[in-house]
């Protein structure tokens, strides 16, 4: 009874926006979907942040179209896991971090919090490098100075949070549209070999047997299915008002939240494929020693507008990911260790810790973009290694009939999710052994 009472009194996930958005009742399909559209864009931005950009471009540059199959499989897995995370939050009224802490010891909860915090910092590394390079491209500011400037992004976050959650969703959705436009246009200009591109969606055994390819493939997996996005998805799915005593209301919320998520993640999938195709078209077989972001920027120089749009999209991508990273940080900190602190303090601490290794790398390699982007790829591989620590609890909870009731996973979801988890763990162990 004490445990139940403690859980009942626990603060709602993202309490300031939890259940803050009303949805129409008995409205048509499209009007209802519009009301639920938004959280998916926040999730999707995490799937096309600068970390995704560099792993996808690098995948095309090194292995042409072979890793398109990894992007496809990763995106399908992401859709499944995000739908499970959203359903968990909608049905239980708690996020993944809160439920994990409720069902583990204080020590285990603390360890999982550390791992997830490190994953958020790894994501921060991608945002810092991407934003720093974007600032360099846009304003000619040295990369090291640009990296330091990114530490001030907390001010942007505070401004956006004052606008309201619905407006933040609209801003992020606009960013996604800009990114999609820029890279769709550039792929059309590059005139890729369509039959070869389509062939790239068929998996090949070389991905597992070739260590450099496996390393980059897991980087794509880590960049595509980020662990902190699962915590975020289980929380922001609760921003829409739902009557949990009404099963139809819960079922409706799950349905439209999943549709929104899948639409936005499909767009993220297309963007990542475009990036890989661009990497293959521009860099495969060239042995380019320049930073890939810089190469793409220069490749667009035949159109000053497009080159500027690319740099702006890169900067906006990094800054938009700041929103998801900050919200995720609040979710896991409050959920795992019940620590409440102002968002700007939490964000500033995380960013200052994350910026340190990037600065050290930048100083050692004198601001060489290509060398610094190697750190970015490593950060995405770490995300893949951290992923099972979020996926295992998610699978356990959504399979629990006592917790989920009639909304527990169907048999095919249950076994597919366990298979995915097992494969991720085995591949990560294999990669670690190969590196050692």
Protein backbone atom coordinates (compact mmCIF):
# COMPACT_ATOMS: atom_id res chain seq x y z
CA UNK A 1 0.00 0.00 0.00
CA UNK A 2 2.86 2.39 0.74
CA UNK A 3 4.31 1.78 -2.71
CA UNK A 4 0.95 2.38 -4.37
CA UNK A 5 0.45 5.57 -2.38
CA UNK A 6 3.92 6.75 -3.33
CA UNK A 7 3.17 6.13 -6.99
CA UNK A 8 -0.18 7.90 -6.81
CA UNK A 9 1.48 10.98 -5.31
CA UNK A 10 4.29 10.97 -7.87
CA UNK A 11 4.45 14.09 -10.02
CA UNK A 12 3.11 13.69 -13.53
CA UNK A 13 5.63 13.34 -16.33
CA UNK A 14 6.43 16.81 -17.73
CA UNK A 15 3.80 18.12 -15.35
CA UNK A 16 3.69 21.60 -16.92
CA UNK A 17 2.38 20.24 -20.25
CA UNK A 18 0.85 16.89 -19.20
CA UNK A 19 -2.75 16.71 -20.47
CA UNK A 20 -2.60 20.37 -21.48
CA UNK A 21 -3.88 19.96 -25.05
CA UNK A 22 -7.57 19.24 -25.60
CA UNK A 23 -8.67 16.95 -28.42
CA UNK A 24 -12.09 17.03 -30.12
CA UNK A 25 -14.65 14.35 -29.35
CA UNK A 26 -16.72 12.68 -32.07
CA UNK A 27 -14.87 14.67 -34.75
CA UNK A 28 -13.88 13.43 -38.21
CA UNK A 29 -10.68 11.51 -38.88
CA UNK A 30 -8.63 14.39 -40.28
CA UNK A 31 -9.68 16.93 -37.65
CA UNK A 32 -8.85 14.44 -34.91
CA UNK A 33 -5.49 13.55 -36.48
CA UNK A 34 -4.63 17.26 -36.71
CA UNK A 35 -5.23 17.62 -32.97
CA UNK A 36 -2.87 14.72 -32.26
CA UNK A 37 -0.23 15.86 -34.77
CA UNK A 38 2.83 17.36 -33.11
CA UNK A 39 4.56 14.98 -30.69
CA UNK A 40 5.63 12.85 -33.67
CA UNK A 41 7.61 15.77 -35.11
CA UNK A 42 9.50 16.21 -31.83
CA UNK A 43 10.33 12.51 -31.87
CA UNK A 44 11.28 12.59 -35.57
CA UNK A 45 13.75 15.45 -35.13
CA UNK A 46 15.78 13.16 -32.88
CA UNK A 47 15.90 10.69 -35.78
CA UNK A 48 17.43 13.22 -38.17
CA UNK A 49 19.74 15.24 -35.94
CA UNK A 50 23.38 15.95 -36.97
CA UNK A 51 24.34 12.48 -35.71
CA UNK A 52 22.03 10.92 -38.30
CA UNK A 53 23.36 13.26 -40.95
CA UNK A 54 26.97 12.22 -40.49
CA UNK A 55 26.37 8.48 -40.12
CA UNK A 56 24.10 8.42 -43.17
CA UNK A 57 26.46 10.53 -45.29
CA UNK A 58 29.42 8.47 -44.07
CA UNK A 59 27.57 5.24 -44.88
CA UNK A 60 27.05 6.36 -48.47
CA UNK A 61 30.58 7.71 -48.83
CA UNK A 62 32.22 4.47 -47.65
CA UNK A 63 29.84 1.71 -48.76
CA UNK A 64 27.68 3.39 -51.41
CA UNK A 65 24.06 2.17 -51.05
CA UNK A 66 24.67 -1.01 -49.03
CA UNK A 67 23.59 0.54 -45.71
CA UNK A 68 20.21 1.72 -46.98
CA UNK A 69 18.94 -1.62 -45.70
CA UNK A 70 20.13 -0.65 -42.20
CA UNK A 71 18.27 2.66 -42.38
CA UNK A 72 15.12 0.84 -43.50
CA UNK A 73 15.29 -1.79 -40.75
CA UNK A 74 16.21 0.82 -38.12
CA UNK A 75 13.26 2.99 -39.12
CA UNK A 76 10.80 0.09 -38.96
CA UNK A 77 12.17 -0.87 -35.53
CA UNK A 78 11.90 2.76 -34.42
CA UNK A 79 8.24 2.89 -35.46
CA UNK A 80 7.49 -0.24 -33.46
CA UNK A 81 9.37 0.86 -30.34
CA UNK A 82 7.99 4.40 -30.40
CA UNK A 83 4.43 3.10 -30.72
CA UNK A 84 5.10 0.89 -27.68
CA UNK A 85 6.56 3.83 -25.73
CA UNK A 86 3.59 6.05 -26.57
CA UNK A 87 1.12 3.33 -25.62
CA UNK A 88 2.91 2.81 -22.30
CA UNK A 89 2.54 6.46 -21.36
CA UNK A 90 -1.05 6.77 -22.53
CA UNK A 91 -2.28 3.64 -20.73
CA UNK A 92 -0.37 3.99 -17.44
CA UNK A 93 -0.12 7.77 -17.10
CA UNK A 94 3.60 7.37 -16.37
CA UNK A 95 6.69 7.58 -18.51
CA UNK A 96 9.29 4.87 -19.03
CA UNK A 97 11.71 6.34 -16.48
CA UNK A 98 9.06 6.53 -13.74
CA UNK A 99 7.93 2.96 -14.31
CA UNK A 100 11.49 1.65 -14.43
CA UNK A 101 12.32 3.37 -11.14
CA UNK A 102 9.11 2.07 -9.52
CA UNK A 103 10.01 -1.51 -10.41
CA UNK A 104 13.74 -1.53 -9.66
CA UNK A 105 15.92 -0.87 -6.65
CA UNK A 106 17.33 2.57 -5.97
CA UNK A 107 20.81 1.38 -6.99
CA UNK A 108 19.66 -0.10 -10.32
CA UNK A 109 17.61 3.01 -11.02
CA UNK A 110 20.68 5.18 -10.40
CA UNK A 111 22.84 3.09 -12.77
CA UNK A 112 20.19 3.28 -15.50
CA UNK A 113 19.95 7.02 -14.96
CA UNK A 114 23.72 7.38 -15.46
CA UNK A 115 23.63 5.31 -18.67
CA UNK A 116 20.73 7.34 -20.04
CA UNK A 117 22.37 10.63 -19.08
CA UNK A 118 25.50 9.51 -20.96
CA UNK A 119 23.31 8.71 -23.96
CA UNK A 120 21.83 12.22 -23.85
CA UNK A 121 25.35 13.63 -23.64
CA UNK A 122 26.35 11.50 -26.65
CA UNK A 123 23.42 13.07 -28.51
CA UNK A 124 24.63 16.46 -27.30
CA UNK A 125 28.02 15.78 -28.90
CA UNK A 126 26.28 15.43 -32.27
CA UNK A 127 24.30 18.62 -31.72
CA UNK A 128 27.42 20.56 -30.65
CA UNK A 129 29.49 19.46 -33.63
CA UNK A 130 26.67 19.98 -36.14
CA UNK A 131 25.74 23.39 -34.75
CA UNK A 132 29.40 24.44 -34.47
CA UNK A 133 30.10 23.55 -38.10
CA UNK A 134 26.87 25.28 -39.19
CA UNK A 135 27.95 28.47 -37.40
CA UNK A 136 31.34 28.21 -39.12
CA UNK A 137 29.70 27.82 -42.54
CA UNK A 138 27.16 30.60 -42.02
CA UNK A 139 29.30 33.26 -40.35
CA UNK A 140 32.92 32.23 -40.97
CA UNK A 141 33.49 31.90 -37.22
CA UNK A 142 36.28 29.43 -36.27
CA UNK A 143 34.92 26.02 -35.32
CA UNK A 144 36.27 26.11 -31.76
CA UNK A 145 34.51 29.44 -31.13
CA UNK A 146 31.33 28.09 -32.74
CA UNK A 147 31.39 25.11 -30.39
CA UNK A 148 31.60 27.47 -27.41
CA UNK A 149 28.67 29.51 -28.76
CA UNK A 150 26.48 26.39 -28.80
CA UNK A 151 26.67 26.33 -25.01
CA UNK A 152 24.39 29.37 -25.00
CA UNK A 153 21.54 27.45 -26.66
CA UNK A 154 19.86 27.26 -23.26
CA UNK A 155 18.65 30.83 -23.90
CA UNK A 156 16.90 29.70 -27.09
CA UNK A 157 15.28 26.86 -25.19
CA UNK A 158 13.93 29.20 -22.49
CA UNK A 159 12.41 31.44 -25.17
CA UNK A 160 10.75 28.52 -26.96
CA UNK A 161 9.34 27.05 -23.75
CA UNK A 162 7.53 30.34 -23.13
CA UNK A 163 5.71 30.04 -26.47
CA UNK A 164 3.77 26.95 -25.44
CA UNK A 165 4.08 23.30 -26.39
CA UNK A 166 1.81 23.51 -29.46
CA UNK A 167 3.92 26.30 -30.97
CA UNK A 168 7.10 24.35 -30.32
CA UNK A 169 5.60 21.43 -32.24
CA UNK A 170 4.82 23.76 -35.18
CA UNK A 171 8.36 25.21 -35.21
CA UNK A 172 9.91 21.77 -35.25
CA UNK A 173 7.55 20.58 -38.01
CA UNK A 174 8.64 23.56 -40.13
CA UNK A 175 12.27 22.58 -39.63
CA UNK A 176 11.52 19.04 -40.81
CA UNK A 177 9.92 20.43 -43.98
CA UNK A 178 12.96 22.62 -44.72
CA UNK A 179 15.37 19.71 -44.30
CA UNK A 180 13.24 17.46 -46.50
CA UNK A 181 13.08 20.10 -49.25
CA UNK A 182 16.82 20.83 -49.27
CA UNK A 183 17.93 17.23 -49.57
CA UNK A 184 15.18 16.16 -51.98
CA UNK A 185 16.32 18.89 -54.35
CA UNK A 186 20.00 17.99 -54.00
CA UNK A 187 19.36 14.28 -54.62
CA UNK A 188 17.48 15.18 -57.81
CA UNK A 189 20.52 17.19 -58.93
CA UNK A 190 22.90 14.32 -58.12
CA UNK A 191 20.97 11.91 -60.41
CA UNK A 192 21.64 8.67 -58.50
CA UNK A 193 21.41 5.25 -60.15
CA UNK A 194 17.87 4.26 -59.13
CA UNK A 195 18.24 0.46 -59.64
CA UNK A 196 21.38 0.49 -57.47
CA UNK A 197 19.57 2.55 -54.83
CA UNK A 198 16.68 0.08 -54.70
CA UNK A 199 19.14 -2.82 -54.48
CA UNK A 200 20.65 -1.14 -51.41
CA UNK A 201 17.47 -1.86 -49.43
CA UNK A 202 18.22 -5.60 -49.57
CA UNK A 203 20.34 -6.66 -46.54
CA UNK A 204 23.77 -8.21 -47.18
CA UNK A 205 25.80 -10.50 -44.91
CA UNK A 206 28.81 -8.20 -45.38
CA UNK A 207 27.26 -5.77 -42.89
CA UNK A 208 27.97 -8.29 -40.11
CA UNK A 209 31.25 -9.75 -41.38
CA UNK A 210 32.89 -6.43 -42.29
CA UNK A 211 33.89 -4.73 -39.00
CA UNK A 212 34.12 -1.14 -40.38
CA UNK A 213 30.72 -1.61 -42.04
CA UNK A 214 29.24 -3.07 -38.85
CA UNK A 215 30.69 -0.18 -36.83
CA UNK A 216 29.02 2.36 -39.10
CA UNK A 217 25.83 0.27 -39.30
CA UNK A 218 25.53 0.32 -35.51
CA UNK A 219 26.23 4.04 -35.64
CA UNK A 220 23.21 4.38 -37.94
CA UNK A 221 21.16 2.21 -35.57
CA UNK A 222 22.21 4.33 -32.58
CA UNK A 223 21.50 7.55 -34.46
CA UNK A 224 18.13 6.28 -35.67
CA UNK A 225 16.80 4.56 -32.52
CA UNK A 226 18.08 6.79 -29.74
CA UNK A 227 17.36 5.55 -26.20
CA UNK A 228 16.34 8.93 -24.80
CA UNK A 229 13.70 9.27 -27.53
CA UNK A 230 11.88 6.28 -26.04
CA UNK A 231 11.66 8.06 -22.67
CA UNK A 232 10.54 11.21 -24.47
CA UNK A 233 7.89 9.36 -26.48
CA UNK A 234 6.40 7.76 -23.38
CA UNK A 235 6.04 11.23 -21.87
CA UNK A 236 4.90 13.62 -24.61
CA UNK A 237 2.25 11.11 -25.68
CA UNK A 238 0.55 12.30 -22.48
CA UNK A 239 0.34 15.95 -23.59
CA UNK A 240 -3.09 15.22 -25.09
CA UNK A 241 -5.94 15.05 -22.63
CA UNK A 242 -7.24 11.49 -22.25
CA UNK A 243 -9.88 9.94 -20.00
CA UNK A 244 -8.20 6.73 -18.80
CA UNK A 245 -11.48 5.50 -17.32
CA UNK A 246 -12.90 5.40 -20.86
CA UNK A 247 -11.37 2.55 -22.89
CA UNK A 248 -12.53 4.08 -26.17
CA UNK A 249 -10.77 7.33 -25.29
CA UNK A 250 -7.54 5.46 -24.52
CA UNK A 251 -7.83 3.37 -27.70
CA UNK A 252 -8.46 6.48 -29.79
CA UNK A 253 -5.48 8.27 -28.28
CA UNK A 254 -3.18 5.30 -28.93
CA UNK A 255 -4.41 5.05 -32.52
CA UNK A 256 -3.91 8.68 -33.50
CA UNK A 257 -0.67 9.11 -31.57
CA UNK A 258 0.74 6.08 -33.40
CA UNK A 259 -0.39 7.42 -36.78
CA UNK A 260 1.25 10.78 -36.06
CA UNK A 261 4.47 9.08 -34.95
CA UNK A 262 4.62 6.79 -37.98
CA UNK A 263 4.02 9.64 -40.45
CA UNK A 264 6.80 11.75 -38.95
CA UNK A 265 9.21 8.82 -38.66
CA UNK A 266 8.54 7.98 -42.32
CA UNK A 267 9.65 11.52 -43.19
CA UNK A 268 12.77 11.02 -41.04
CA UNK A 269 13.41 7.74 -42.88
CA UNK A 270 13.21 9.53 -46.24
CA UNK A 271 15.60 12.28 -45.05
CA UNK A 272 18.17 9.73 -43.82
CA UNK A 273 17.94 7.83 -47.11
CA UNK A 274 18.45 11.08 -49.03
CA UNK A 275 21.53 11.83 -46.95
CA UNK A 276 23.03 8.41 -47.62
CA UNK A 277 22.30 8.65 -51.35
CA UNK A 278 23.94 12.09 -51.39
CA UNK A 279 26.96 10.71 -49.56
CA UNK A 280 27.29 7.97 -52.15
CA UNK A 281 26.76 10.30 -55.13
CA UNK A 282 29.20 12.97 -53.97
CA UNK A 283 31.89 11.10 -52.04
CA UNK A 284 31.96 7.37 -52.88
CA UNK A 285 35.36 6.51 -54.33
CA UNK A 286 36.73 10.05 -53.90
CA UNK A 287 38.66 9.51 -50.62
CA UNK A 288 37.66 13.01 -49.58
CA UNK A 289 39.54 14.18 -46.49
CA UNK A 290 37.22 17.11 -45.83
CA UNK A 291 34.44 17.15 -43.28
CA UNK A 292 31.27 15.76 -44.84
CA UNK A 293 29.14 18.72 -43.73
CA UNK A 294 31.62 21.07 -45.39
CA UNK A 295 31.65 18.96 -48.56
CA UNK A 296 27.86 19.05 -48.84
CA UNK A 297 27.86 22.79 -48.25
CA UNK A 298 30.37 23.30 -51.06
CA UNK A 299 28.48 20.93 -53.34
CA UNK A 300 25.49 23.26 -53.00
CA UNK A 301 27.51 26.39 -53.79
CA UNK A 302 26.15 26.47 -57.35
CA UNK A 303 23.05 27.83 -55.63
CA UNK A 304 23.87 30.27 -52.79
CA UNK A 305 20.29 30.02 -51.53
CA UNK A 306 20.47 26.22 -51.22
CA UNK A 307 23.90 26.28 -49.58
CA UNK A 308 22.63 28.76 -47.01
CA UNK A 309 19.47 26.69 -46.50
CA UNK A 310 21.65 23.64 -45.86
CA UNK A 311 23.70 25.43 -43.22
CA UNK A 312 20.57 26.90 -41.63
CA UNK A 313 18.92 23.46 -41.63
CA UNK A 314 22.02 21.97 -39.99
CA UNK A 315 22.02 24.66 -37.31
CA UNK A 316 18.26 24.40 -36.78
CA UNK A 317 18.51 20.60 -36.60
CA UNK A 318 21.07 20.82 -33.82
CA UNK A 319 19.08 23.42 -31.93
CA UNK A 320 15.77 21.58 -32.33
CA UNK A 321 17.42 18.44 -30.99
CA UNK A 322 18.27 20.57 -27.98
CA UNK A 323 14.55 20.71 -27.19
CA UNK A 324 14.16 16.94 -27.25
CA UNK A 325 17.41 16.43 -25.33
CA UNK A 326 16.38 18.86 -22.62
CA UNK A 327 12.89 17.44 -22.23
CA UNK A 328 14.37 13.92 -22.11
CA UNK A 329 16.85 15.04 -19.47
CA UNK A 330 14.05 16.37 -17.30
CA UNK A 331 12.05 13.15 -17.77
CA UNK A 332 14.85 10.79 -16.76
CA UNK A 333 16.11 12.97 -13.90
CA UNK A 334 12.68 13.28 -12.32
CA UNK A 335 11.72 9.71 -13.15
CA UNK A 336 14.86 7.86 -12.05
CA UNK A 337 16.15 9.90 -9.11
CA UNK A 338 13.16 12.16 -8.32
CA UNK A 339 15.38 15.23 -8.63
CA UNK A 340 13.66 18.44 -9.71
CA UNK A 341 15.66 21.44 -10.91
CA UNK A 342 14.99 24.34 -13.30
CA UNK A 343 15.28 23.33 -16.96
CA UNK A 344 17.93 25.92 -17.73
CA UNK A 345 20.23 24.68 -14.93
CA UNK A 346 19.81 21.06 -15.99
CA UNK A 347 20.42 21.97 -19.64
CA UNK A 348 23.47 24.11 -18.89
CA UNK A 349 25.12 21.40 -16.78
CA UNK A 350 24.55 18.73 -19.43
CA UNK A 351 25.79 20.94 -22.25
CA UNK A 352 28.95 22.06 -20.39
CA UNK A 353 29.87 18.43 -19.66
CA UNK A 354 29.19 17.41 -23.27
CA UNK A 355 31.11 20.30 -24.82
CA UNK A 356 34.35 19.40 -23.01
CA UNK A 357 35.40 16.33 -25.08
CA UNK A 358 34.40 18.12 -28.30
CA UNK A 359 36.56 21.11 -27.41
CA UNK A 360 39.50 18.85 -26.52
CA UNK A 361 39.15 17.07 -29.87
CA UNK A 362 38.86 20.38 -31.73
CA UNK A 363 41.99 21.77 -30.08
CA UNK A 364 44.04 18.60 -30.66
CA UNK A 365 43.08 18.43 -34.35
CA UNK A 366 43.16 22.23 -34.88
CA UNK A 367 39.51 22.43 -35.87
CA UNK A 368 39.74 19.76 -38.59
CA UNK A 369 36.10 18.93 -39.39
CA UNK A 370 36.78 15.40 -40.65
CA UNK A 371 38.62 14.40 -37.46
CA UNK A 372 35.96 15.94 -35.23
CA UNK A 373 33.20 14.13 -37.14
CA UNK A 374 34.91 10.83 -36.21
CA UNK A 375 34.02 11.66 -32.60
CA UNK A 376 30.46 12.25 -33.77
CA UNK A 377 30.28 8.76 -35.32
CA UNK A 378 31.63 7.20 -32.11
CA UNK A 379 28.95 9.00 -30.09
CA UNK A 380 26.27 7.40 -32.27
CA UNK A 381 27.79 3.94 -31.74
CA UNK A 382 27.62 4.55 -27.98
CA UNK A 383 23.90 5.32 -28.38
CA UNK A 384 23.45 1.90 -29.97
CA UNK A 385 25.27 0.26 -27.04
CA UNK A 386 23.06 2.14 -24.54
CA UNK A 387 19.86 1.32 -26.42
CA UNK A 388 19.10 -2.12 -24.85
CA UNK A 389 19.02 -0.53 -21.38
CA UNK A 390 15.93 1.40 -22.48
CA UNK A 391 14.42 -1.22 -24.79
CA UNK A 392 14.43 -4.13 -22.29
CA UNK A 393 12.28 -2.31 -19.66
CA UNK A 394 10.00 -1.00 -22.43
CA UNK A 395 9.38 -4.51 -23.77
CA UNK A 396 8.84 -5.96 -20.29
CA UNK A 397 6.34 -3.28 -19.27
CA UNK A 398 4.29 -3.30 -22.47
CA UNK A 399 4.05 -7.11 -22.28
CA UNK A 400 2.79 -6.94 -18.67
CA UNK A 401 -0.97 -7.66 -18.61
CA UNK A 402 -1.35 -6.41 -15.00
CA UNK A 403 0.12 -3.07 -16.02
CA UNK A 404 -1.34 -2.69 -19.52
CA UNK A 405 -4.57 -4.69 -19.28
CA UNK A 406 -6.18 -5.26 -22.66
CA UNK A 407 -3.62 -2.91 -24.24
CA UNK A 408 -0.65 -5.22 -23.67
CA UNK A 409 1.37 -6.14 -26.74
CA UNK A 410 -0.08 -8.54 -29.26
CA UNK A 411 1.83 -11.80 -29.61
CA UNK A 412 3.61 -10.71 -32.81
CA UNK A 413 4.72 -7.44 -31.18
CA UNK A 414 5.91 -9.28 -28.09
CA UNK A 415 8.12 -11.74 -29.94
CA UNK A 416 9.31 -9.25 -32.54
CA UNK A 417 10.39 -6.79 -29.86
CA UNK A 418 12.27 -9.49 -27.95
CA UNK A 419 13.97 -10.60 -31.17
CA UNK A 420 15.02 -7.01 -31.90
CA UNK A 421 16.40 -6.65 -28.37
CA UNK A 422 18.36 -9.90 -28.62
CA UNK A 423 19.86 -8.98 -32.01
CA UNK A 424 20.90 -5.52 -30.76
CA UNK A 425 22.60 -6.99 -27.71
CA UNK A 426 24.44 -9.68 -29.72
CA UNK A 427 25.62 -7.20 -32.37
CA UNK A 428 26.85 -4.76 -29.73
CA UNK A 429 28.79 -7.47 -27.89
CA UNK A 430 30.27 -8.64 -31.21
CA UNK A 431 31.33 -5.11 -32.12
CA UNK A 432 32.94 -4.49 -28.72
CA UNK A 433 34.90 -7.77 -29.01
CA UNK A 434 36.04 -6.84 -32.52
CA UNK A 435 37.23 -3.40 -31.39
CA UNK A 436 39.06 -4.87 -28.38
